[in-house]
């Protein structure tokens, strides 16, 4: 399974990298630590985030 870094997620979501980092810090976007200075995000976690923000 391919995991994306913050910059890859930002490009896919159409937002800046700092927005992705903010979503991770606030717990709204799931991520796992990669080393001491990075995150890895699975595509299904992005899908989960998007599904949680859809309003009826």
PDB file of N, CA and C in Angstrom:
ATOM      1  N   UNK A   1       0.838  -1.181   0.000  1.00  0.00           N
ATOM      2  CA  UNK A   1       0.000   0.000   0.000  1.00  0.00           C
ATOM      3  C   UNK A   1       0.881   1.241   0.000  1.00  0.00           C
ATOM      4  N   UNK A   2       0.550   2.170  -0.866  1.00  0.00           N
ATOM      5  CA  UNK A   2       1.333   3.387  -0.981  1.00  0.00           C
ATOM      6  C   UNK A   2       0.880   4.423   0.039  1.00  0.00           C
ATOM      7  N   UNK A   3       1.824   4.989   0.726  1.00  0.00           N
ATOM      8  CA  UNK A   3       1.545   6.041   1.696  1.00  0.00           C
ATOM      9  C   UNK A   3       2.101   7.342   1.149  1.00  0.00           C
ATOM     10  N   UNK A   4       1.423   8.424   1.425  1.00  0.00           N
ATOM     11  CA  UNK A   4       1.821   9.729   0.925  1.00  0.00           C
ATOM     12  C   UNK A   4       2.448  10.558   2.027  1.00  0.00           C
ATOM     13  N   UNK A   5       3.317  11.476   1.631  1.00  0.00           N
ATOM     14  CA  UNK A   5       3.849  12.422   2.599  1.00  0.00           C
ATOM     15  C   UNK A   5       2.940  13.647   2.625  1.00  0.00           C
ATOM     16  N   UNK A   6       3.253  14.593   3.471  1.00  0.00           N
ATOM     17  CA  UNK A   6       2.410  15.771   3.650  1.00  0.00           C
ATOM     18  C   UNK A   6       2.247  16.535   2.334  1.00  0.00           C
ATOM     19  N   UNK A   7       3.333  16.695   1.597  1.00  0.00           N
ATOM     20  CA  UNK A   7       3.269  17.440   0.343  1.00  0.00           C
ATOM     21  C   UNK A   7       2.390  16.724  -0.689  1.00  0.00           C
ATOM     22  N   UNK A   8       2.471  15.395  -0.730  1.00  0.00           N
ATOM     23  CA  UNK A   8       1.635  14.624  -1.647  1.00  0.00           C
ATOM     24  C   UNK A   8       0.160  14.734  -1.312  1.00  0.00           C
ATOM     25  N   UNK A   9      -0.155  14.702  -0.028  1.00  0.00           N
ATOM     26  CA  UNK A   9      -1.546  14.844   0.413  1.00  0.00           C
ATOM     27  C   UNK A   9      -2.042  16.250   0.087  1.00  0.00           C
ATOM     28  N   UNK A  10      -1.207  17.244   0.324  1.00  0.00           N
ATOM     29  CA  UNK A  10      -1.594  18.626   0.038  1.00  0.00           C
ATOM     30  C   UNK A  10      -1.917  18.792  -1.440  1.00  0.00           C
ATOM     31  N   UNK A  11      -1.105  18.216  -2.309  1.00  0.00           N
ATOM     32  CA  UNK A  11      -1.354  18.310  -3.745  1.00  0.00           C
ATOM     33  C   UNK A  11      -2.655  17.608  -4.120  1.00  0.00           C
ATOM     34  N   UNK A  12      -2.893  16.451  -3.540  1.00  0.00           N
ATOM     35  CA  UNK A  12      -4.114  15.709  -3.847  1.00  0.00           C
ATOM     36  C   UNK A  12      -5.364  16.433  -3.357  1.00  0.00           C
ATOM     37  N   UNK A  13      -5.265  17.087  -2.210  1.00  0.00           N
ATOM     38  CA  UNK A  13      -6.419  17.767  -1.630  1.00  0.00           C
ATOM     39  C   UNK A  13      -6.584  19.197  -2.135  1.00  0.00           C
ATOM     40  N   UNK A  14      -5.554  19.726  -2.791  1.00  0.00           N
ATOM     41  CA  UNK A  14      -5.630  21.092  -3.291  1.00  0.00           C
ATOM     42  C   UNK A  14      -5.493  22.146  -2.210  1.00  0.00           C
ATOM     43  N   UNK A  15      -4.694  21.834  -1.196  1.00  0.00           N
ATOM     44  CA  UNK A  15      -4.445  22.770  -0.098  1.00  0.00           C
ATOM     45  C   UNK A  15      -2.935  22.878   0.103  1.00  0.00           C
ATOM     46  N   UNK A  16      -2.508  23.781   0.969  1.00  0.00           N
ATOM     47  CA  UNK A  16      -1.074  23.893   1.231  1.00  0.00           C
ATOM     48  C   UNK A  16      -0.646  22.854   2.277  1.00  0.00           C
ATOM     49  N   UNK A  17       0.637  22.583   2.328  1.00  0.00           N
ATOM     50  CA  UNK A  17       1.172  21.575   3.240  1.00  0.00           C
ATOM     51  C   UNK A  17       0.900  21.925   4.697  1.00  0.00           C
ATOM     52  N   UNK A  18       0.925  23.205   5.035  1.00  0.00           N
ATOM     53  CA  UNK A  18       0.667  23.597   6.426  1.00  0.00           C
ATOM     54  C   UNK A  18      -0.767  23.264   6.838  1.00  0.00           C
ATOM     55  N   UNK A  19      -1.706  23.346   5.915  1.00  0.00           N
ATOM     56  CA  UNK A  19      -3.087  22.960   6.214  1.00  0.00           C
ATOM     57  C   UNK A  19      -3.158  21.482   6.562  1.00  0.00           C
ATOM     58  N   UNK A  20      -2.436  20.653   5.827  1.00  0.00           N
ATOM     59  CA  UNK A  20      -2.406  19.218   6.109  1.00  0.00           C
ATOM     60  C   UNK A  20      -1.794  18.977   7.479  1.00  0.00           C
ATOM     61  N   UNK A  21      -0.703  19.658   7.787  1.00  0.00           N
ATOM     62  CA  UNK A  21      -0.076  19.503   9.102  1.00  0.00           C
ATOM     63  C   UNK A  21      -1.028  19.920  10.220  1.00  0.00           C
ATOM     64  N   UNK A  22      -1.780  20.989   9.996  1.00  0.00           N
ATOM     65  CA  UNK A  22      -2.750  21.455  10.986  1.00  0.00           C
ATOM     66  C   UNK A  22      -3.845  20.411  11.200  1.00  0.00           C
ATOM     67  N   UNK A  23      -4.330  19.817  10.121  1.00  0.00           N
ATOM     68  CA  UNK A  23      -5.355  18.772  10.232  1.00  0.00           C
ATOM     69  C   UNK A  23      -4.827  17.581  11.027  1.00  0.00           C
ATOM     70  N   UNK A  24      -3.562  17.246  10.826  1.00  0.00           N
ATOM     71  CA  UNK A  24      -2.948  16.131  11.564  1.00  0.00           C
ATOM     72  C   UNK A  24      -2.815  16.494  13.041  1.00  0.00           C
ATOM     73  N   UNK A  25      -2.297  17.694  13.324  1.00  0.00           N
ATOM     74  CA  UNK A  25      -2.104  18.115  14.723  1.00  0.00           C
ATOM     75  C   UNK A  25      -3.413  18.161  15.501  1.00  0.00           C
ATOM     76  N   UNK A  26      -4.493  18.561  14.845  1.00  0.00           N
ATOM     77  CA  UNK A  26      -5.782  18.665  15.530  1.00  0.00           C
ATOM     78  C   UNK A  26      -6.527  17.340  15.573  1.00  0.00           C
ATOM     79  N   UNK A  27      -5.959  16.305  14.941  1.00  0.00           N
ATOM     80  CA  UNK A  27      -6.572  14.989  14.987  1.00  0.00           C
ATOM     81  C   UNK A  27      -7.668  14.759  13.960  1.00  0.00           C
ATOM     82  N   UNK A  28      -7.861  15.699  13.054  1.00  0.00           N
ATOM     83  CA  UNK A  28      -8.917  15.548  12.051  1.00  0.00           C
ATOM     84  C   UNK A  28      -8.487  14.653  10.898  1.00  0.00           C
ATOM     85  N   UNK A  29      -7.174  14.569  10.629  1.00  0.00           N
ATOM     86  CA  UNK A  29      -6.635  13.703   9.582  1.00  0.00           C
ATOM     87  C   UNK A  29      -5.669  12.724  10.231  1.00  0.00           C
ATOM     88  N   UNK A  30      -5.922  11.456  10.040  1.00  0.00           N
ATOM     89  CA  UNK A  30      -5.073  10.424  10.642  1.00  0.00           C
ATOM     90  C   UNK A  30      -3.742  10.351   9.898  1.00  0.00           C
ATOM     91  N   UNK A  31      -2.665  10.145  10.631  1.00  0.00           N
ATOM     92  CA  UNK A  31      -1.326  10.034  10.050  1.00  0.00           C
ATOM     93  C   UNK A  31      -0.448   9.250  11.000  1.00  0.00           C
ATOM     94  N   UNK A  32       0.646   8.730  10.461  1.00  0.00           N
ATOM     95  CA  UNK A  32       1.622   8.065  11.321  1.00  0.00           C
ATOM     96  C   UNK A  32       2.961   8.763  11.144  1.00  0.00           C
ATOM     97  N   UNK A  33       3.729   8.755  12.197  1.00  0.00           N
ATOM     98  CA  UNK A  33       5.040   9.386  12.174  1.00  0.00           C
ATOM     99  C   UNK A  33       5.989   8.579  11.308  1.00  0.00           C
ATOM    100  N   UNK A  34       6.809   9.293  10.549  1.00  0.00           N
ATOM    101  CA  UNK A  34       7.854   8.668   9.743  1.00  0.00           C
ATOM    102  C   UNK A  34       9.170   9.320  10.159  1.00  0.00           C
ATOM    103  N   UNK A  35       9.893   8.661  10.988  1.00  0.00           N
ATOM    104  CA  UNK A  35      11.127   9.243  11.489  1.00  0.00           C
ATOM    105  C   UNK A  35      10.840  10.339  12.496  1.00  0.00           C
ATOM    106  N   UNK A  36      11.713  11.332  12.526  1.00  0.00           N
ATOM    107  CA  UNK A  36      11.557  12.381  13.519  1.00  0.00           C
ATOM    108  C   UNK A  36      10.893  13.639  12.972  1.00  0.00           C
ATOM    109  N   UNK A  37      10.809  13.771  11.650  1.00  0.00           N
ATOM    110  CA  UNK A  37      10.313  15.033  11.105  1.00  0.00           C
ATOM    111  C   UNK A  37       9.297  14.871   9.985  1.00  0.00           C
ATOM    112  N   UNK A  38       8.558  13.803   9.966  1.00  0.00           N
ATOM    113  CA  UNK A  38       7.610  13.653   8.876  1.00  0.00           C
ATOM    114  C   UNK A  38       6.428  12.784   9.227  1.00  0.00           C
ATOM    115  N   UNK A  39       5.471  12.777   8.334  1.00  0.00           N
ATOM    116  CA  UNK A  39       4.276  11.965   8.483  1.00  0.00           C
ATOM    117  C   UNK A  39       4.055  11.160   7.219  1.00  0.00           C
ATOM    118  N   UNK A  40       3.346  10.049   7.354  1.00  0.00           N
ATOM    119  CA  UNK A  40       2.885   9.261   6.217  1.00  0.00           C
ATOM    120  C   UNK A  40       1.390   9.081   6.394  1.00  0.00           C
ATOM    121  N   UNK A  41       0.665   9.272   5.295  1.00  0.00           N
ATOM    122  CA  UNK A  41      -0.790   9.211   5.328  1.00  0.00           C
ATOM    123  C   UNK A  41      -1.253   8.215   4.279  1.00  0.00           C
ATOM    124  N   UNK A  42      -2.088   7.294   4.675  1.00  0.00           N
ATOM    125  CA  UNK A  42      -2.622   6.298   3.751  1.00  0.00           C
ATOM    126  C   UNK A  42      -3.802   6.888   2.980  1.00  0.00           C
ATOM    127  N   UNK A  43      -3.986   6.479   1.729  1.00  0.00           N
ATOM    128  CA  UNK A  43      -5.098   7.006   0.925  1.00  0.00           C
ATOM    129  C   UNK A  43      -6.466   6.820   1.576  1.00  0.00           C
ATOM    130  N   UNK A  44      -6.677   5.716   2.279  1.00  0.00           N
ATOM    131  CA  UNK A  44      -7.990   5.514   2.912  1.00  0.00           C
ATOM    132  C   UNK A  44      -8.227   6.505   4.049  1.00  0.00           C
ATOM    133  N   UNK A  45      -7.152   6.998   4.675  1.00  0.00           N
ATOM    134  CA  UNK A  45      -7.307   7.998   5.722  1.00  0.00           C
ATOM    135  C   UNK A  45      -7.743   9.334   5.120  1.00  0.00           C
ATOM    136  N   UNK A  46      -7.249   9.643   3.924  1.00  0.00           N
ATOM    137  CA  UNK A  46      -7.693  10.848   3.224  1.00  0.00           C
ATOM    138  C   UNK A  46      -9.168  10.704   2.876  1.00  0.00           C
ATOM    139  N   UNK A  47      -9.540   9.545   2.396  1.00  0.00           N
ATOM    140  CA  UNK A  47     -10.954   9.264   2.057  1.00  0.00           C
ATOM    141  C   UNK A  47     -11.838   9.398   3.298  1.00  0.00           C
ATOM    142  N   UNK A  48     -11.372   8.855   4.420  1.00  0.00           N
ATOM    143  CA  UNK A  48     -12.133   8.971   5.675  1.00  0.00           C
ATOM    144  C   UNK A  48     -12.315  10.436   6.067  1.00  0.00           C
ATOM    145  N   UNK A  49     -11.260  11.233   5.940  1.00  0.00           N
ATOM    146  CA  UNK A  49     -11.356  12.651   6.269  1.00  0.00           C
ATOM    147  C   UNK A  49     -12.377  13.333   5.363  1.00  0.00           C
ATOM    148  N   UNK A  50     -12.271  13.093   4.076  1.00  0.00           N
ATOM    149  CA  UNK A  50     -13.210  13.709   3.134  1.00  0.00           C
ATOM    150  C   UNK A  50     -14.651  13.306   3.428  1.00  0.00           C
ATOM    151  N   UNK A  51     -14.863  12.035   3.745  1.00  0.00           N
ATOM    152  CA  UNK A  51     -16.226  11.562   4.058  1.00  0.00           C
ATOM    153  C   UNK A  51     -16.756  12.195   5.340  1.00  0.00           C
ATOM    154  N   UNK A  52     -15.866  12.503   6.276  1.00  0.00           N
ATOM    155  CA  UNK A  52     -16.308  13.093   7.542  1.00  0.00           C
ATOM    156  C   UNK A  52     -16.647  14.565   7.401  1.00  0.00           C
ATOM    157  N   UNK A  53     -16.201  15.194   6.325  1.00  0.00           N
ATOM    158  CA  UNK A  53     -16.451  16.627   6.157  1.00  0.00           C
ATOM    159  C   UNK A  53     -17.582  16.916   5.194  1.00  0.00           C
ATOM    160  N   UNK A  54     -18.170  15.890   4.607  1.00  0.00           N
ATOM    161  CA  UNK A  54     -19.286  16.092   3.683  1.00  0.00           C
ATOM    162  C   UNK A  54     -20.530  16.444   4.482  1.00  0.00           C
ATOM    163  N   UNK A  55     -21.193  17.510   4.070  1.00  0.00           N
ATOM    164  CA  UNK A  55     -22.418  17.914   4.752  1.00  0.00           C
ATOM    165  C   UNK A  55     -23.623  17.608   3.868  1.00  0.00           C
ATOM    166  N   UNK A  56     -24.707  17.270   4.500  1.00  0.00           N
ATOM    167  CA  UNK A  56     -25.915  16.911   3.747  1.00  0.00           C
ATOM    168  C   UNK A  56     -26.704  18.130   3.363  1.00  0.00           C
TER     169      UNK A  56
END
